[in-house]
Structure formats: structure tokens, C-alpha cells
Amino acid sequence: MDKKKILIVDDDAITQKLLKGLLEKQGYKKIMLSNSGGQALELIKKDPPDLVLLDVFMPGIDGYEVCTRLKADSSTSHIPIIMVTGGAVQADEAIEKSFNAGATDFITKPISGIEFLARIKSGLTIKNNHDLLADELKRRKLAEKEKEKLIKKLEQALSEIKSLKGIVPICSHCKKIRDDKGFWNNLEAYIQAHSEA
């Protein structure tokens, strides 16, 4: 848990403190804080987290816009984003807009500790599975490249063998073939000795 990096983006210092405290109690050590959408985007570019807790309503760049930008960028699109908003009155609209922006999950304030931690674990599991899959794809691509190199080497060696075998010393007068020891053989005897014919 302590290796997982979580970014909390919220313009409310009390909410930041509450979320950070809940995470620290569960053993999460790498917690980054941001109080604006613009600052969050800069932080994520410099040091991508494993999970983002993103407040929906903030001055300047709001949570929807931050989420949309992160999901549009291939270098950050895989990062799970849990949207956080206050008040159940606007929750339905906020949930719909959050998922349309690309959010992974959604939490409403006041925050329930058990539900919050379950959603954090779920988000980090998604990130972990993505990372494992990405590593496996890289490993397979490397193995495929090595296989292609080996096939090319084998094909080259085979063509060299064919061209060497294609050079058969044959006498233009008697049509006899000279073997590796320098002896002249009848064509039939040479073919029988050097092939399955």
C-alpha cells in the first residue's frame, strides 16, 4: 500500500485533511495534495499517481474538465479517477457528467470511511491490473522481436547452405562429380550419397 501514490484534488482544506487522514490510517504513505484543477494537471504530468481523488466543483478548471483532459491524454488515460462531490441534490447529474468525462468511480460527501476505502481499493486494483497487462504486452512484444530476429538468422543460414550445396563440382567432359575428399563419382552415386533420392 505504501508504494501506491494517490493524488487528492480539492479546493477545500478540510476535505483534503479528512481524505488524507483516512488514507494514512490504512497505510497509504504517498499522498499528494492539490487545491486546483490546473495545479493537479501539472502535478500529474510531472509525477503520475496511481489514483486521483478529484473534487467535481472547483474554481477555474473544474473536476469534469480535469478528468476529460486526463482521459484524452494517452500518457494519463489509464489512471483511475474517483470523482468526489458534496450534496446529494446534484448527485445524479454529477454522476452522469463524471462518467461521461471518463471517471472510474464516484463518491458523495459526507464521506463514509468504509465505502471510501472500498472504492480506493477497487480503483487501485484497476490500476494494478492495467500495469500487469501493460508489462505482459511489453514482454510479449520483446519476445516476438527476438523470435523474428532468430527466424531471419535461420533463413539466412538456410539460404547460405542451399547456395553452398548448389555449387557442385562437376566435370564438363565425363559428367562425374568430385566429392569432399577429391574423388570423382558417378552422378547417380553422388546424388544417392548426398540426398534421400
N, C-alpha and C. Protein backbone atom coordinates (compact mmCIF):
# COMPACT_ATOMS: atom_id res chain seq x y z
N MET A 1 0.81 -1.21 0.00
CA MET A 1 0.00 0.00 0.00
C MET A 1 0.84 1.26 0.00
N ASP A 2 1.94 1.20 0.77
CA ASP A 2 2.74 2.43 0.91
C ASP A 2 3.42 2.82 -0.40
N LYS A 3 3.49 1.91 -1.38
CA LYS A 3 4.10 2.24 -2.66
C LYS A 3 3.11 2.92 -3.60
N LYS A 4 1.83 2.78 -3.33
CA LYS A 4 0.81 3.38 -4.19
C LYS A 4 0.72 4.88 -3.94
N LYS A 5 0.68 5.63 -5.04
CA LYS A 5 0.65 7.09 -4.96
C LYS A 5 -0.75 7.60 -5.28
N ILE A 6 -1.31 8.38 -4.35
CA ILE A 6 -2.67 8.89 -4.52
C ILE A 6 -2.65 10.41 -4.50
N LEU A 7 -3.33 11.01 -5.47
CA LEU A 7 -3.43 12.47 -5.52
C LEU A 7 -4.85 12.89 -5.11
N ILE A 8 -4.92 13.77 -4.12
CA ILE A 8 -6.20 14.35 -3.69
C ILE A 8 -6.29 15.75 -4.27
N VAL A 9 -7.33 16.00 -5.09
CA VAL A 9 -7.53 17.31 -5.69
C VAL A 9 -8.82 17.89 -5.14
N ASP A 10 -8.70 18.91 -4.28
CA ASP A 10 -9.88 19.53 -3.67
C ASP A 10 -9.51 20.92 -3.21
N ASP A 11 -10.37 21.90 -3.47
CA ASP A 11 -10.08 23.27 -3.06
C ASP A 11 -10.43 23.51 -1.58
N ASP A 12 -11.00 22.51 -0.92
CA ASP A 12 -11.38 22.63 0.50
C ASP A 12 -10.33 21.92 1.36
N ALA A 13 -9.61 22.70 2.17
CA ALA A 13 -8.53 22.16 3.00
C ALA A 13 -9.04 21.12 4.00
N ILE A 14 -10.26 21.30 4.52
CA ILE A 14 -10.82 20.35 5.49
C ILE A 14 -11.06 18.99 4.83
N THR A 15 -11.59 19.00 3.61
CA THR A 15 -11.81 17.74 2.88
C THR A 15 -10.48 17.07 2.57
N GLN A 16 -9.49 17.85 2.17
CA GLN A 16 -8.16 17.30 1.91
C GLN A 16 -7.63 16.57 3.15
N LYS A 17 -7.75 17.24 4.29
CA LYS A 17 -7.24 16.69 5.55
C LYS A 17 -7.99 15.40 5.92
N LEU A 18 -9.31 15.40 5.75
CA LEU A 18 -10.13 14.23 6.07
C LEU A 18 -9.74 13.04 5.20
N LEU A 19 -9.66 13.26 3.88
CA LEU A 19 -9.31 12.17 2.96
C LEU A 19 -7.90 11.65 3.21
N LYS A 20 -6.98 12.57 3.45
CA LYS A 20 -5.59 12.19 3.72
C LYS A 20 -5.52 11.35 5.00
N GLY A 21 -6.27 11.77 6.02
CA GLY A 21 -6.28 11.03 7.29
C GLY A 21 -6.82 9.62 7.12
N LEU A 22 -7.91 9.47 6.36
CA LEU A 22 -8.49 8.14 6.12
C LEU A 22 -7.49 7.23 5.39
N LEU A 23 -6.78 7.80 4.42
CA LEU A 23 -5.80 7.02 3.67
C LEU A 23 -4.60 6.63 4.52
N GLU A 24 -4.12 7.56 5.32
CA GLU A 24 -2.96 7.28 6.17
C GLU A 24 -3.26 6.20 7.20
N LYS A 25 -4.48 6.19 7.73
CA LYS A 25 -4.87 5.15 8.70
C LYS A 25 -4.81 3.76 8.08
N GLN A 26 -5.01 3.68 6.77
CA GLN A 26 -4.97 2.39 6.07
C GLN A 26 -3.57 2.06 5.54
N GLY A 27 -2.60 2.88 5.85
CA GLY A 27 -1.21 2.58 5.47
C GLY A 27 -0.73 3.20 4.18
N TYR A 28 -1.54 4.05 3.58
CA TYR A 28 -1.09 4.73 2.36
C TYR A 28 -0.17 5.88 2.76
N LYS A 29 1.05 5.87 2.23
CA LYS A 29 2.06 6.86 2.65
C LYS A 29 2.28 7.95 1.60
N LYS A 30 2.17 7.58 0.33
CA LYS A 30 2.47 8.54 -0.74
C LYS A 30 1.19 9.26 -1.16
N ILE A 31 0.91 10.34 -0.48
CA ILE A 31 -0.31 11.11 -0.76
C ILE A 31 0.09 12.52 -1.19
N MET A 32 -0.35 12.89 -2.38
CA MET A 32 -0.07 14.23 -2.89
C MET A 32 -1.35 15.06 -2.78
N LEU A 33 -1.18 16.36 -2.61
CA LEU A 33 -2.34 17.25 -2.47
C LEU A 33 -2.29 18.37 -3.50
N SER A 34 -3.48 18.73 -3.99
CA SER A 34 -3.60 19.85 -4.92
C SER A 34 -4.92 20.55 -4.63
N ASN A 35 -4.90 21.89 -4.69
CA ASN A 35 -6.14 22.62 -4.39
C ASN A 35 -6.78 23.25 -5.63
N SER A 36 -6.30 22.87 -6.84
CA SER A 36 -6.92 23.39 -8.06
C SER A 36 -6.72 22.41 -9.22
N GLY A 37 -7.60 22.52 -10.21
CA GLY A 37 -7.51 21.67 -11.39
C GLY A 37 -6.24 21.88 -12.19
N GLY A 38 -5.86 23.15 -12.36
CA GLY A 38 -4.63 23.48 -13.11
C GLY A 38 -3.40 22.91 -12.45
N GLN A 39 -3.30 23.09 -11.12
CA GLN A 39 -2.15 22.56 -10.38
C GLN A 39 -2.13 21.03 -10.46
N ALA A 40 -3.30 20.41 -10.39
CA ALA A 40 -3.38 18.95 -10.46
C ALA A 40 -2.85 18.43 -11.80
N LEU A 41 -3.23 19.09 -12.89
CA LEU A 41 -2.76 18.67 -14.21
C LEU A 41 -1.24 18.75 -14.32
N GLU A 42 -0.65 19.81 -13.75
CA GLU A 42 0.81 19.96 -13.75
C GLU A 42 1.47 18.85 -12.93
N LEU A 43 0.93 18.59 -11.73
CA LEU A 43 1.48 17.55 -10.86
C LEU A 43 1.44 16.18 -11.53
N ILE A 44 0.32 15.89 -12.16
CA ILE A 44 0.13 14.58 -12.79
C ILE A 44 1.10 14.38 -13.95
N LYS A 45 1.36 15.45 -14.71
CA LYS A 45 2.33 15.35 -15.82
C LYS A 45 3.74 15.07 -15.30
N LYS A 46 4.11 15.75 -14.19
CA LYS A 46 5.46 15.58 -13.63
C LYS A 46 5.62 14.25 -12.91
N ASP A 47 4.61 13.85 -12.16
CA ASP A 47 4.72 12.68 -11.29
C ASP A 47 3.37 11.95 -11.25
N PRO A 48 3.08 11.11 -12.27
CA PRO A 48 1.75 10.48 -12.35
C PRO A 48 1.43 9.60 -11.14
N PRO A 49 0.25 9.80 -10.55
CA PRO A 49 -0.16 8.97 -9.41
C PRO A 49 -0.79 7.66 -9.89
N ASP A 50 -1.08 6.78 -8.95
CA ASP A 50 -1.77 5.53 -9.26
C ASP A 50 -3.28 5.71 -9.21
N LEU A 51 -3.72 6.79 -8.55
CA LEU A 51 -5.15 7.05 -8.39
C LEU A 51 -5.36 8.54 -8.11
N VAL A 52 -6.45 9.10 -8.64
CA VAL A 52 -6.77 10.51 -8.40
C VAL A 52 -8.15 10.59 -7.74
N LEU A 53 -8.20 11.31 -6.61
CA LEU A 53 -9.47 11.67 -5.96
C LEU A 53 -9.73 13.10 -6.37
N LEU A 54 -10.78 13.33 -7.14
CA LEU A 54 -10.97 14.61 -7.80
C LEU A 54 -12.30 15.26 -7.43
N ASP A 55 -12.22 16.43 -6.82
CA ASP A 55 -13.43 17.20 -6.49
C ASP A 55 -14.08 17.67 -7.78
N VAL A 56 -15.39 17.60 -7.83
CA VAL A 56 -16.12 18.00 -9.03
C VAL A 56 -16.12 19.51 -9.19
N PHE A 57 -16.52 20.22 -8.13
CA PHE A 57 -16.68 21.67 -8.23
C PHE A 57 -15.50 22.41 -7.63
N MET A 58 -14.72 23.05 -8.50
CA MET A 58 -13.57 23.86 -8.08
C MET A 58 -13.53 25.10 -8.95
N PRO A 59 -13.00 26.21 -8.42
CA PRO A 59 -12.86 27.40 -9.27
C PRO A 59 -11.83 27.16 -10.37
N GLY A 60 -11.98 27.86 -11.47
CA GLY A 60 -11.05 27.68 -12.60
C GLY A 60 -11.40 26.41 -13.36
N ILE A 61 -10.44 25.51 -13.47
CA ILE A 61 -10.68 24.25 -14.17
C ILE A 61 -11.38 23.30 -13.20
N ASP A 62 -12.63 22.94 -13.51
CA ASP A 62 -13.37 22.06 -12.59
C ASP A 62 -12.97 20.59 -12.79
N GLY A 63 -13.50 19.72 -11.95
CA GLY A 63 -13.16 18.30 -11.97
C GLY A 63 -13.50 17.61 -13.28
N TYR A 64 -14.63 17.99 -13.89
CA TYR A 64 -15.02 17.38 -15.17
C TYR A 64 -13.97 17.64 -16.24
N GLU A 65 -13.51 18.89 -16.29
CA GLU A 65 -12.51 19.27 -17.30
C GLU A 65 -11.18 18.56 -17.05
N VAL A 66 -10.78 18.49 -15.78
CA VAL A 66 -9.53 17.79 -15.43
C VAL A 66 -9.64 16.33 -15.87
N CYS A 67 -10.75 15.71 -15.54
CA CYS A 67 -10.98 14.30 -15.89
C CYS A 67 -10.95 14.11 -17.40
N THR A 68 -11.63 14.97 -18.13
CA THR A 68 -11.68 14.88 -19.59
C THR A 68 -10.29 15.00 -20.19
N ARG A 69 -9.50 15.94 -19.70
CA ARG A 69 -8.13 16.13 -20.22
C ARG A 69 -7.25 14.93 -19.93
N LEU A 70 -7.36 14.39 -18.71
CA LEU A 70 -6.53 13.23 -18.35
C LEU A 70 -6.88 12.01 -19.20
N LYS A 71 -8.17 11.81 -19.45
CA LYS A 71 -8.60 10.66 -20.24
C LYS A 71 -8.28 10.83 -21.73
N ALA A 72 -8.14 12.06 -22.18
CA ALA A 72 -7.81 12.32 -23.59
C ALA A 72 -6.33 12.15 -23.88
N ASP A 73 -5.49 12.17 -22.85
CA ASP A 73 -4.04 12.07 -22.99
C ASP A 73 -3.62 10.61 -22.79
N SER A 74 -2.98 10.01 -23.79
CA SER A 74 -2.61 8.59 -23.71
C SER A 74 -1.65 8.28 -22.56
N SER A 75 -0.89 9.28 -22.11
CA SER A 75 0.05 9.04 -21.01
C SER A 75 -0.62 9.02 -19.64
N THR A 76 -1.87 9.51 -19.57
CA THR A 76 -2.58 9.55 -18.28
C THR A 76 -3.96 8.88 -18.33
N SER A 77 -4.38 8.42 -19.50
CA SER A 77 -5.73 7.88 -19.64
C SER A 77 -5.99 6.63 -18.81
N HIS A 78 -4.93 5.92 -18.43
CA HIS A 78 -5.08 4.68 -17.66
C HIS A 78 -5.22 4.91 -16.14
N ILE A 79 -5.03 6.15 -15.69
CA ILE A 79 -5.08 6.43 -14.25
C ILE A 79 -6.54 6.46 -13.79
N PRO A 80 -6.92 5.63 -12.81
CA PRO A 80 -8.29 5.67 -12.30
C PRO A 80 -8.59 6.99 -11.60
N ILE A 81 -9.79 7.52 -11.85
CA ILE A 81 -10.21 8.79 -11.25
C ILE A 81 -11.51 8.57 -10.50
N ILE A 82 -11.48 8.90 -9.21
CA ILE A 82 -12.70 8.84 -8.40
C ILE A 82 -13.15 10.27 -8.16
N MET A 83 -14.32 10.60 -8.68
CA MET A 83 -14.87 11.95 -8.52
C MET A 83 -15.54 12.07 -7.15
N VAL A 84 -15.35 13.24 -6.53
CA VAL A 84 -15.92 13.49 -5.20
C VAL A 84 -16.74 14.77 -5.27
N THR A 85 -17.99 14.71 -4.75
CA THR A 85 -18.81 15.91 -4.73
C THR A 85 -19.64 15.97 -3.46
N GLY A 86 -20.01 17.19 -3.09
CA GLY A 86 -20.83 17.39 -1.90
C GLY A 86 -22.29 17.56 -2.25
N GLY A 87 -23.13 17.01 -1.40
CA GLY A 87 -24.57 17.22 -1.56
C GLY A 87 -25.22 16.24 -2.49
N ALA A 88 -26.27 15.61 -2.01
CA ALA A 88 -26.99 14.61 -2.80
C ALA A 88 -27.96 15.24 -3.79
N VAL A 89 -28.23 16.55 -3.65
CA VAL A 89 -29.20 17.22 -4.52
C VAL A 89 -28.76 17.15 -5.97
N GLN A 90 -27.48 17.44 -6.21
CA GLN A 90 -26.96 17.46 -7.58
C GLN A 90 -26.26 16.15 -7.94
N ALA A 91 -26.33 15.16 -7.07
CA ALA A 91 -25.54 13.94 -7.25
C ALA A 91 -25.83 13.22 -8.57
N ASP A 92 -27.11 13.07 -8.95
CA ASP A 92 -27.45 12.33 -10.17
C ASP A 92 -26.82 12.96 -11.41
N GLU A 93 -26.96 14.28 -11.51
CA GLU A 93 -26.38 14.99 -12.65
C GLU A 93 -24.86 14.90 -12.62
N ALA A 94 -24.28 15.05 -11.42
CA ALA A 94 -22.82 15.00 -11.27
C ALA A 94 -22.28 13.61 -11.62
N ILE A 95 -23.00 12.58 -11.21
CA ILE A 95 -22.57 11.21 -11.52
C ILE A 95 -22.54 11.00 -13.04
N GLU A 96 -23.61 11.41 -13.70
CA GLU A 96 -23.70 11.25 -15.15
C GLU A 96 -22.57 12.01 -15.86
N LYS A 97 -22.38 13.27 -15.47
CA LYS A 97 -21.33 14.09 -16.09
C LYS A 97 -19.94 13.51 -15.81
N SER A 98 -19.75 12.97 -14.60
CA SER A 98 -18.45 12.39 -14.23
C SER A 98 -18.12 11.19 -15.09
N PHE A 99 -19.08 10.28 -15.23
CA PHE A 99 -18.82 9.09 -16.04
C PHE A 99 -18.68 9.44 -17.52
N ASN A 100 -19.41 10.46 -17.98
CA ASN A 100 -19.24 10.91 -19.36
C ASN A 100 -17.85 11.50 -19.59
N ALA A 101 -17.28 12.09 -18.54
CA ALA A 101 -15.93 12.66 -18.63
C ALA A 101 -14.85 11.58 -18.56
N GLY A 102 -15.25 10.35 -18.14
CA GLY A 102 -14.28 9.25 -18.09
C GLY A 102 -13.91 8.78 -16.70
N ALA A 103 -14.63 9.25 -15.67
CA ALA A 103 -14.33 8.84 -14.29
C ALA A 103 -14.51 7.34 -14.11
N THR A 104 -13.72 6.79 -13.19
CA THR A 104 -13.78 5.36 -12.87
C THR A 104 -14.86 5.09 -11.82
N ASP A 105 -15.01 6.05 -10.88
CA ASP A 105 -15.95 5.87 -9.78
C ASP A 105 -16.39 7.24 -9.26
N PHE A 106 -17.29 7.23 -8.28
CA PHE A 106 -17.89 8.47 -7.79
C PHE A 106 -18.23 8.32 -6.31
N ILE A 107 -17.94 9.36 -5.52
CA ILE A 107 -18.27 9.36 -4.09
C ILE A 107 -18.94 10.69 -3.75
N THR A 108 -20.01 10.63 -2.94
CA THR A 108 -20.65 11.87 -2.48
C THR A 108 -20.29 12.14 -1.04
N LYS A 109 -20.20 13.43 -0.71
CA LYS A 109 -19.96 13.84 0.67
C LYS A 109 -21.32 13.92 1.37
N PRO A 110 -21.43 13.68 2.67
CA PRO A 110 -20.35 13.30 3.58
C PRO A 110 -19.82 11.90 3.27
N ILE A 111 -18.53 11.74 3.45
CA ILE A 111 -17.86 10.51 3.05
C ILE A 111 -17.94 9.46 4.15
N SER A 112 -18.35 8.26 3.76
CA SER A 112 -18.37 7.10 4.66
C SER A 112 -17.02 6.41 4.54
N GLY A 113 -16.33 6.24 5.66
CA GLY A 113 -14.99 5.67 5.66
C GLY A 113 -14.90 4.31 5.00
N ILE A 114 -15.85 3.41 5.29
CA ILE A 114 -15.81 2.05 4.74
C ILE A 114 -16.02 2.08 3.23
N GLU A 115 -17.01 2.81 2.78
CA GLU A 115 -17.29 2.91 1.34
C GLU A 115 -16.11 3.57 0.61
N PHE A 116 -15.58 4.62 1.21
CA PHE A 116 -14.45 5.34 0.62
C PHE A 116 -13.26 4.41 0.41
N LEU A 117 -12.89 3.66 1.44
CA LEU A 117 -11.72 2.78 1.35
C LEU A 117 -11.97 1.62 0.37
N ALA A 118 -13.22 1.14 0.31
CA ALA A 118 -13.54 0.08 -0.65
C ALA A 118 -13.36 0.59 -2.08
N ARG A 119 -13.76 1.82 -2.32
CA ARG A 119 -13.62 2.40 -3.67
C ARG A 119 -12.16 2.68 -4.01
N ILE A 120 -11.39 3.07 -2.99
CA ILE A 120 -9.95 3.28 -3.19
C ILE A 120 -9.29 1.96 -3.60
N LYS A 121 -9.59 0.89 -2.86
CA LYS A 121 -9.02 -0.42 -3.18
C LYS A 121 -9.43 -0.87 -4.58
N SER A 122 -10.67 -0.64 -4.93
CA SER A 122 -11.16 -1.01 -6.26
C SER A 122 -10.41 -0.25 -7.36
N GLY A 123 -10.25 1.06 -7.16
CA GLY A 123 -9.52 1.88 -8.13
C GLY A 123 -8.07 1.45 -8.28
N LEU A 124 -7.43 1.13 -7.16
CA LEU A 124 -6.02 0.70 -7.21
C LEU A 124 -5.89 -0.69 -7.83
N THR A 125 -6.90 -1.53 -7.65
CA THR A 125 -6.89 -2.85 -8.29
C THR A 125 -6.96 -2.69 -9.80
N ILE A 126 -7.79 -1.77 -10.25
CA ILE A 126 -7.89 -1.48 -11.69
C ILE A 126 -6.54 -1.03 -12.23
N LYS A 127 -5.89 -0.12 -11.51
CA LYS A 127 -4.57 0.39 -11.94
C LYS A 127 -3.54 -0.73 -11.95
N ASN A 128 -3.54 -1.56 -10.90
CA ASN A 128 -2.59 -2.66 -10.81
C ASN A 128 -2.78 -3.64 -11.97
N ASN A 129 -4.04 -3.98 -12.28
CA ASN A 129 -4.32 -4.88 -13.39
C ASN A 129 -3.88 -4.28 -14.72
N HIS A 130 -4.09 -2.98 -14.88
CA HIS A 130 -3.62 -2.30 -16.10
C HIS A 130 -2.10 -2.42 -16.22
N ASP A 131 -1.39 -2.16 -15.11
CA ASP A 131 0.07 -2.21 -15.13
C ASP A 131 0.58 -3.62 -15.45
N LEU A 132 -0.06 -4.64 -14.87
CA LEU A 132 0.33 -6.03 -15.14
C LEU A 132 0.13 -6.37 -16.61
N LEU A 133 -0.99 -5.94 -17.16
CA LEU A 133 -1.29 -6.20 -18.56
C LEU A 133 -0.29 -5.47 -19.47
N ALA A 134 0.02 -4.22 -19.13
CA ALA A 134 0.99 -3.44 -19.93
C ALA A 134 2.37 -4.11 -19.90
N ASP A 135 2.79 -4.60 -18.72
CA ASP A 135 4.08 -5.29 -18.61
C ASP A 135 4.09 -6.58 -19.43
N GLU A 136 2.99 -7.32 -19.40
CA GLU A 136 2.89 -8.57 -20.16
C GLU A 136 2.94 -8.29 -21.66
N LEU A 137 2.28 -7.23 -22.11
CA LEU A 137 2.31 -6.86 -23.53
C LEU A 137 3.72 -6.48 -23.97
N LYS A 138 4.43 -5.72 -23.12
CA LYS A 138 5.82 -5.35 -23.42
C LYS A 138 6.69 -6.60 -23.54
N ARG A 139 6.51 -7.53 -22.58
CA ARG A 139 7.30 -8.76 -22.58
C ARG A 139 7.03 -9.57 -23.85
N ARG A 140 5.77 -9.64 -24.23
CA ARG A 140 5.42 -10.41 -25.43
C ARG A 140 5.96 -9.76 -26.70
N LYS A 141 5.92 -8.42 -26.76
CA LYS A 141 6.47 -7.72 -27.92
C LYS A 141 7.97 -7.95 -28.05
N LEU A 142 8.68 -7.92 -26.91
CA LEU A 142 10.12 -8.19 -26.93
C LEU A 142 10.40 -9.62 -27.39
N ALA A 143 9.61 -10.57 -26.86
CA ALA A 143 9.78 -11.98 -27.25
C ALA A 143 9.51 -12.16 -28.74
N GLU A 144 8.49 -11.47 -29.25
CA GLU A 144 8.15 -11.55 -30.67
C GLU A 144 9.29 -10.99 -31.54
N LYS A 145 9.89 -9.87 -31.10
CA LYS A 145 11.02 -9.29 -31.84
C LYS A 145 12.20 -10.25 -31.87
N GLU A 146 12.48 -10.88 -30.71
CA GLU A 146 13.59 -11.84 -30.63
C GLU A 146 13.32 -13.03 -31.55
N LYS A 147 12.07 -13.49 -31.57
CA LYS A 147 11.68 -14.61 -32.43
C LYS A 147 11.89 -14.25 -33.90
N GLU A 148 11.48 -13.03 -34.28
CA GLU A 148 11.65 -12.58 -35.66
C GLU A 148 13.13 -12.51 -36.05
N LYS A 149 13.97 -12.02 -35.12
CA LYS A 149 15.41 -11.96 -35.40
C LYS A 149 15.98 -13.36 -35.62
N LEU A 150 15.56 -14.30 -34.76
CA LEU A 150 16.05 -15.68 -34.87
C LEU A 150 15.59 -16.32 -36.18
N ILE A 151 14.35 -16.07 -36.57
CA ILE A 151 13.83 -16.61 -37.84
C ILE A 151 14.64 -16.07 -39.02
N LYS A 152 14.95 -14.76 -38.98
CA LYS A 152 15.75 -14.16 -40.06
C LYS A 152 17.14 -14.79 -40.13
N LYS A 153 17.76 -15.02 -38.95
CA LYS A 153 19.09 -15.65 -38.93
C LYS A 153 19.03 -17.06 -39.49
N LEU A 154 17.99 -17.80 -39.11
CA LEU A 154 17.85 -19.17 -39.60
C LEU A 154 17.61 -19.20 -41.10
N GLU A 155 16.76 -18.27 -41.58
CA GLU A 155 16.51 -18.20 -43.02
C GLU A 155 17.77 -17.86 -43.79
N GLN A 156 18.58 -16.95 -43.23
CA GLN A 156 19.84 -16.57 -43.88
C GLN A 156 20.80 -17.76 -43.91
N ALA A 157 20.88 -18.49 -42.77
CA ALA A 157 21.76 -19.65 -42.71
C ALA A 157 21.31 -20.72 -43.70
N LEU A 158 19.99 -20.91 -43.81
CA LEU A 158 19.44 -21.90 -44.73
C LEU A 158 19.75 -21.54 -46.19
N SER A 159 19.62 -20.26 -46.52
CA SER A 159 19.91 -19.84 -47.90
C SER A 159 21.39 -20.01 -48.22
N GLU A 160 22.26 -19.78 -47.20
CA GLU A 160 23.70 -19.98 -47.42
C GLU A 160 24.00 -21.46 -47.65
N ILE A 161 23.32 -22.33 -46.88
CA ILE A 161 23.53 -23.77 -47.05
C ILE A 161 23.06 -24.19 -48.44
N LYS A 162 21.91 -23.69 -48.87
CA LYS A 162 21.39 -24.03 -50.19
C LYS A 162 22.34 -23.59 -51.30
N SER A 163 22.89 -22.37 -51.13
CA SER A 163 23.79 -21.88 -52.18
C SER A 163 25.10 -22.66 -52.17
N LEU A 164 25.56 -23.08 -50.98
CA LEU A 164 26.78 -23.89 -50.93
C LEU A 164 26.54 -25.27 -51.55
N LYS A 165 25.36 -25.84 -51.23
CA LYS A 165 25.03 -27.15 -51.81
C LYS A 165 24.81 -27.02 -53.31
N GLY A 166 24.39 -25.83 -53.73
CA GLY A 166 24.15 -25.63 -55.16
C GLY A 166 25.43 -25.61 -55.98
N ILE A 167 26.56 -25.39 -55.34
CA ILE A 167 27.85 -25.39 -56.03
C ILE A 167 28.40 -26.82 -56.01
N VAL A 168 28.13 -27.52 -57.06
CA VAL A 168 28.57 -28.92 -57.16
C VAL A 168 29.67 -29.00 -58.23
N PRO A 169 30.87 -29.44 -57.81
CA PRO A 169 31.95 -29.56 -58.81
C PRO A 169 31.68 -30.75 -59.75
N ILE A 170 31.41 -30.43 -61.01
CA ILE A 170 31.09 -31.47 -62.00
C ILE A 170 32.01 -31.30 -63.22
N CYS A 171 32.47 -32.39 -63.72
CA CYS A 171 33.35 -32.38 -64.90
C CYS A 171 32.49 -32.19 -66.14
N SER A 172 32.86 -31.25 -66.97
CA SER A 172 32.06 -30.95 -68.15
C SER A 172 32.22 -32.04 -69.24
N HIS A 173 33.32 -32.85 -69.15
CA HIS A 173 33.53 -33.89 -70.16
C HIS A 173 32.87 -35.20 -69.78
N CYS A 174 33.20 -35.70 -68.59
CA CYS A 174 32.69 -37.03 -68.20
C CYS A 174 31.43 -36.97 -67.34
N LYS A 175 31.06 -35.77 -66.90
CA LYS A 175 29.87 -35.55 -66.07
C LYS A 175 29.96 -36.25 -64.72
N LYS A 176 31.19 -36.45 -64.23
CA LYS A 176 31.36 -37.02 -62.89
C LYS A 176 31.48 -35.86 -61.89
N ILE A 177 31.13 -36.16 -60.63
CA ILE A 177 31.12 -35.13 -59.57
C ILE A 177 32.23 -35.44 -58.58
N ARG A 178 32.98 -34.37 -58.20
CA ARG A 178 34.06 -34.53 -57.22
C ARG A 178 33.48 -34.39 -55.82
N ASP A 179 33.76 -35.36 -54.94
CA ASP A 179 33.24 -35.29 -53.56
C ASP A 179 34.19 -34.50 -52.67
N ASP A 180 33.88 -34.42 -51.37
CA ASP A 180 34.66 -33.62 -50.42
C ASP A 180 36.10 -34.11 -50.27
N LYS A 181 36.32 -35.40 -50.58
CA LYS A 181 37.67 -35.98 -50.42
C LYS A 181 38.50 -35.88 -51.71
N GLY A 182 37.88 -35.34 -52.75
CA GLY A 182 38.61 -35.16 -54.01
C GLY A 182 38.44 -36.28 -55.01
N PHE A 183 37.64 -37.29 -54.68
CA PHE A 183 37.40 -38.41 -55.59
C PHE A 183 36.26 -38.07 -56.54
N TRP A 184 36.36 -38.58 -57.77
CA TRP A 184 35.32 -38.36 -58.78
C TRP A 184 34.32 -39.51 -58.72
N ASN A 185 33.02 -39.17 -58.61
CA ASN A 185 31.96 -40.17 -58.51
C ASN A 185 30.99 -40.03 -59.67
N ASN A 186 30.31 -41.14 -59.93
CA ASN A 186 29.22 -41.08 -60.91
C ASN A 186 28.12 -40.19 -60.34
N LEU A 187 27.40 -39.55 -61.23
CA LEU A 187 26.32 -38.65 -60.83
C LEU A 187 25.31 -39.36 -59.93
N GLU A 188 24.90 -40.57 -60.31
CA GLU A 188 23.90 -41.31 -59.54
C GLU A 188 24.41 -41.62 -58.13
N ALA A 189 25.67 -42.03 -58.02
CA ALA A 189 26.24 -42.40 -56.72
C ALA A 189 26.34 -41.17 -55.81
N TYR A 190 26.71 -40.02 -56.39
CA TYR A 190 26.82 -38.78 -55.59
C TYR A 190 25.45 -38.35 -55.06
N ILE A 191 24.44 -38.37 -55.94
CA ILE A 191 23.09 -37.96 -55.53
C ILE A 191 22.56 -38.89 -54.45
N GLN A 192 22.81 -40.21 -54.62
CA GLN A 192 22.34 -41.18 -53.63
C GLN A 192 23.01 -40.94 -52.27
N ALA A 193 24.28 -40.60 -52.26
CA ALA A 193 25.03 -40.38 -51.02
C ALA A 193 24.69 -39.07 -50.33
N HIS A 194 24.28 -38.05 -51.11
CA HIS A 194 24.06 -36.73 -50.53
C HIS A 194 22.58 -36.29 -50.47
N SER A 195 21.68 -37.20 -50.77
CA SER A 195 20.25 -36.84 -50.69
C SER A 195 19.45 -38.08 -50.36
N GLU A 196 18.17 -37.89 -50.21
CA GLU A 196 17.29 -39.03 -49.92
C GLU A 196 16.74 -39.63 -51.21
N ALA A 197 17.23 -39.15 -52.34
CA ALA A 197 16.74 -39.65 -53.64
C ALA A 197 17.26 -41.06 -53.89
